Protein backbone atom coordinates (compact mmCIF):
# COMPACT_ATOMS: atom_id res chain seq x y z
CA MET A 1 15.17 75.03 37.98
CA LYS A 2 12.95 73.73 40.77
CA ILE A 3 13.67 70.26 42.13
CA GLY A 4 10.19 69.01 41.20
CA LEU A 5 10.72 69.90 37.54
CA VAL A 6 14.09 68.18 37.50
CA LEU A 7 12.63 65.02 38.97
CA ALA A 8 9.75 64.94 36.53
CA ILE A 9 12.34 64.56 33.78
CA ALA A 10 14.78 62.45 35.73
CA VAL A 11 12.43 59.62 36.70
CA VAL A 12 11.62 58.70 33.09
CA PRO A 13 14.58 56.27 32.68
CA PHE A 14 13.29 54.08 35.50
CA CYS A 15 10.24 52.96 33.48
CA SER A 16 11.50 49.92 31.58
CA CYS A 17 8.09 48.96 30.19
CA VAL A 18 7.07 50.86 27.08
CA HIS A 19 3.32 50.53 27.64
CA ARG A 20 1.80 52.66 30.40
CA LYS A 21 -1.82 53.25 31.36
CA HIS A 22 -2.72 56.91 31.77
CA LEU A 23 -3.99 57.78 35.23
CA SER A 24 -6.55 60.54 35.48
CA THR A 25 -6.09 60.83 39.24
CA ALA A 26 -3.12 60.32 41.53
CA PRO A 27 -2.97 56.92 43.30
CA PRO A 28 -3.62 56.86 47.04
CA PRO A 29 -0.51 57.06 49.25
CA PRO A 30 0.96 53.69 50.30
CA ALA A 31 -0.04 52.27 53.65
CA THR A 32 2.89 52.41 56.07
CA GLY A 33 4.14 50.73 59.21
CA ALA A 34 7.52 50.56 60.91
CA ASP A 35 7.69 46.78 60.72
CA ARG A 36 5.81 46.45 57.41
CA THR A 37 3.43 43.85 58.86
CA GLU A 38 0.38 45.69 57.54
CA PRO A 39 -0.42 45.39 53.83
CA GLU A 40 0.58 48.23 51.51
CA THR A 41 -1.66 49.47 48.74
CA GLY A 42 -0.36 51.36 45.72
CA LEU A 43 0.90 51.01 42.18
CA ALA A 44 2.99 48.07 41.00
CA SER A 45 5.17 48.26 37.90
CA TRP A 46 7.54 45.76 36.29
CA TYR A 47 11.04 45.74 34.85
CA GLY A 48 12.91 43.53 32.40
CA TYR A 49 15.52 44.63 29.90
CA PRO A 50 18.10 46.17 30.22
CA TYR A 51 18.26 44.99 33.86
CA HIS A 52 17.96 41.29 32.99
CA GLY A 53 21.31 39.60 33.59
CA ARG A 54 22.70 42.44 35.72
CA PRO A 55 23.34 42.32 39.49
CA ALA A 56 20.35 43.14 41.67
CA ALA A 57 20.85 45.21 44.81
CA ASP A 58 21.37 42.09 46.94
CA GLY A 59 24.20 40.94 44.64
CA GLU A 60 22.48 38.11 42.82
CA ILE A 61 21.95 38.23 39.06
CA TYR A 62 18.51 39.47 38.13
CA ASP A 63 16.53 37.00 36.03
CA MET A 64 13.30 38.58 34.83
CA GLU A 65 11.71 35.13 34.39
CA LYS A 66 11.97 34.30 38.10
CA LEU A 67 9.40 35.39 40.69
CA THR A 68 11.25 38.28 42.32
CA ALA A 69 10.68 41.97 42.95
CA ALA A 70 12.19 45.27 44.04
CA HIS A 71 10.99 47.18 47.11
CA ARG A 72 12.28 50.40 48.65
CA THR A 73 12.49 49.31 52.29
CA LEU A 74 11.71 45.61 52.90
CA PRO A 75 14.75 43.47 53.78
CA PHE A 76 16.20 41.27 51.06
CA ASN A 77 14.74 37.74 50.90
CA THR A 78 11.43 38.87 52.37
CA LEU A 79 8.60 36.88 50.76
CA VAL A 80 5.52 38.91 49.84
CA ARG A 81 2.19 38.24 48.14
CA VAL A 82 1.08 40.76 45.51
CA VAL A 83 -2.65 40.98 44.79
CA ASN A 84 -3.81 42.74 41.64
CA LEU A 85 -6.82 44.71 42.87
CA GLU A 86 -8.20 45.02 39.35
CA ASN A 87 -8.54 41.27 38.69
CA THR A 88 -7.78 39.60 42.11
CA LYS A 89 -4.89 37.57 40.65
CA THR A 90 -2.02 36.92 43.08
CA VAL A 91 1.68 36.07 42.93
CA ASP A 92 4.27 35.40 45.66
CA VAL A 93 7.66 37.03 45.09
CA ARG A 94 11.00 37.36 46.89
CA ILE A 95 12.54 40.80 47.43
CA ILE A 96 16.02 40.97 45.90
CA ASP A 97 16.27 44.52 44.59
CA ARG A 98 15.62 48.17 45.45
CA GLY A 99 12.97 50.31 43.79
CA PRO A 100 10.76 51.48 42.24
CA PHE A 101 12.24 54.96 42.52
CA VAL A 102 9.12 56.64 41.18
CA GLU A 103 6.64 58.48 43.39
CA GLY A 104 3.40 56.58 43.99
CA ARG A 105 4.75 53.12 43.14
CA ILE A 106 5.36 50.58 45.90
CA ILE A 107 6.81 47.50 44.17
CA ASP A 108 8.62 46.68 40.92
CA LEU A 109 7.92 43.13 39.72
CA SER A 110 9.92 40.83 37.49
CA HIS A 111 8.46 40.08 34.06
CA ALA A 112 7.36 36.62 35.24
CA ALA A 113 5.58 38.04 38.29
CA ALA A 114 3.91 40.77 36.21
CA ARG A 115 2.71 38.16 33.75
CA ALA A 116 1.26 36.05 36.59
CA ILE A 117 -1.07 38.87 37.66
CA ASP A 118 -1.64 40.19 34.14
CA ILE A 119 -0.04 43.65 34.21
CA VAL A 120 2.56 43.26 31.44
CA GLU A 121 0.57 45.07 28.78
CA ALA A 122 -0.79 47.83 31.03
CA GLY A 123 2.60 48.33 32.66
CA THR A 124 1.17 49.25 36.07
CA ALA A 125 -1.76 48.23 38.27
CA MET A 126 -3.13 48.96 41.72
CA VAL A 127 -2.06 46.15 44.06
CA ARG A 128 -1.95 45.11 47.68
CA VAL A 129 1.39 43.85 49.02
CA GLU A 130 1.25 41.44 51.98
CA VAL A 131 4.34 40.25 53.85
CA LEU A 132 4.29 36.45 54.13
CA ARG A 133 7.73 35.86 55.63
CA ARG A 134 10.49 38.24 56.57
CA SER A 135 14.11 37.32 55.94
CA ASP A 136 15.65 34.95 58.50
CA SER A 137 18.94 36.86 58.19
CA GLU A 138 17.43 40.33 58.55
CA GLN A 139 19.91 42.89 59.88
CA PRO A 140 19.12 46.26 61.47
CA GLY A 141 18.73 48.75 58.68
CA ALA A 142 19.16 52.45 58.13
CA PHE A 143 16.77 54.61 56.14
CA GLY A 144 17.11 57.79 54.11
CA VAL A 145 15.01 59.99 51.86
CA GLN A 146 15.51 60.07 48.11
CA VAL A 147 14.98 63.56 46.68
CA GLY A 148 16.34 63.24 43.14
CA ALA A 149 17.68 60.98 40.38
CA PHE A 150 19.91 62.22 37.56
CA ARG A 151 21.98 60.96 34.65
CA ASN A 152 24.19 64.04 34.95
CA ARG A 153 26.40 63.71 38.03
CA ALA A 154 27.05 67.47 38.22
CA ASN A 155 23.32 68.13 38.58
CA ALA A 156 23.08 65.45 41.25
CA GLU A 157 26.04 66.94 43.11
CA ARG A 158 24.45 70.40 43.17
CA LEU A 159 21.30 69.01 44.73
CA ARG A 160 23.33 66.90 47.16
CA ALA A 161 25.26 69.96 48.34
CA ASP A 162 22.05 71.93 48.82
CA MET A 163 20.43 69.11 50.81
CA ALA A 164 23.57 68.64 52.94
CA ALA A 165 23.58 72.34 53.77
CA ARG A 166 19.94 72.16 54.85
CA TYR A 167 19.80 68.78 56.59
CA GLY A 168 23.38 67.92 57.54
CA ALA A 169 23.85 64.72 55.55
CA ALA A 170 23.27 63.79 51.93
CA ARG A 171 24.92 61.32 49.58
CA LEU A 172 25.00 60.17 45.98
CA THR A 173 24.24 56.51 45.33
CA THR A 174 24.13 54.31 42.24
CA SER A 175 22.87 50.83 41.47
CA PRO A 176 25.04 48.04 40.00
CA ALA A 177 22.22 47.41 37.53
CA ASP A 178 22.40 50.99 36.21
CA PRO A 179 25.48 52.93 37.34
CA THR A 180 24.56 55.83 35.03
CA ILE A 181 21.79 57.00 37.37
CA TRP A 182 22.86 59.14 40.35
CA ARG A 183 20.34 59.20 43.19
CA VAL A 184 20.42 61.91 45.87
CA VAL A 185 19.61 60.49 49.31
CA VAL A 186 19.30 62.61 52.46
CA GLY A 187 19.86 61.45 56.03
CA ALA A 188 20.55 58.11 57.71
CA GLU A 189 17.86 57.32 60.25
CA PRO A 190 17.82 54.11 62.34
CA THR A 191 14.09 53.62 61.83
CA GLU A 192 11.69 53.94 58.92
CA ASP A 193 9.47 56.21 61.02
CA GLY A 194 12.43 58.55 61.58
CA ALA A 195 13.09 58.69 57.83
CA ARG A 196 9.41 59.31 57.18
CA ALA A 197 9.48 62.28 59.55
CA LEU A 198 12.50 63.63 57.65
CA SER A 199 10.67 63.11 54.37
CA ASP A 200 7.69 65.10 55.69
CA ARG A 201 10.04 67.88 56.80
CA ILE A 202 11.73 68.05 53.40
CA ARG A 203 8.39 68.18 51.61
CA ARG A 204 7.14 70.90 53.96
CA GLU A 205 10.25 73.09 53.91
CA SER A 206 11.38 72.72 50.30
CA GLY A 207 8.08 72.09 48.56
CA GLU A 208 9.61 68.90 47.13
CA LYS A 209 6.79 66.49 46.27
CA PHE A 210 8.97 63.57 45.24
CA ALA A 211 10.77 62.85 48.52
CA PHE A 212 10.28 59.25 49.66
CA VAL A 213 11.85 56.79 52.10
CA VAL A 214 14.45 54.24 50.95
CA ARG A 215 16.49 51.62 52.77
CA LEU A 216 20.26 52.30 52.85
CA ASP A 217 21.63 48.83 52.21
CA SER A 218 22.30 49.21 48.48
């Protein structure tokens, strides 16, 4: 089975909200920048149960009624402003978790944050994410490329072995909030730009459309 078909099935568990708005066209790709000082534009989603009360990626307990969010690459404790482009409502949130691990989405909001900008019912919305303050304790990070997510570890291991043979390094990772999901992450680049170049290479060589950059601190 092709990787793309596997991922189309595998990403379903990451959508914790039961209501989703159908998109007739694909969202535009997120804006990028090595230091994330430029705003990003893309889809926001939100998550609540069953993650409420479980450890977030930074180790603190996730409370869906606090103004927090998950982001793939921003350092923990970064403060960002999220602007709903459909209604101009805004909310300021602190990054404590990793995600969303779904192509096209750029931030996963807590229930409280989603309610503040009125996306709870729709489930997703086009937003702009602006960095207000980066973490005072920010450490140098490493970045990889996620190419798959599976509930079956054997399937994840097969993809990991294939990616390791092609690109020299690949690992399986899980989240404390949901240890039943095995993510396949390729590479360990010192910069986000380096990981983005690897992501482009994987997409070009393997035809994999769901390869995206993640920070390797969780």
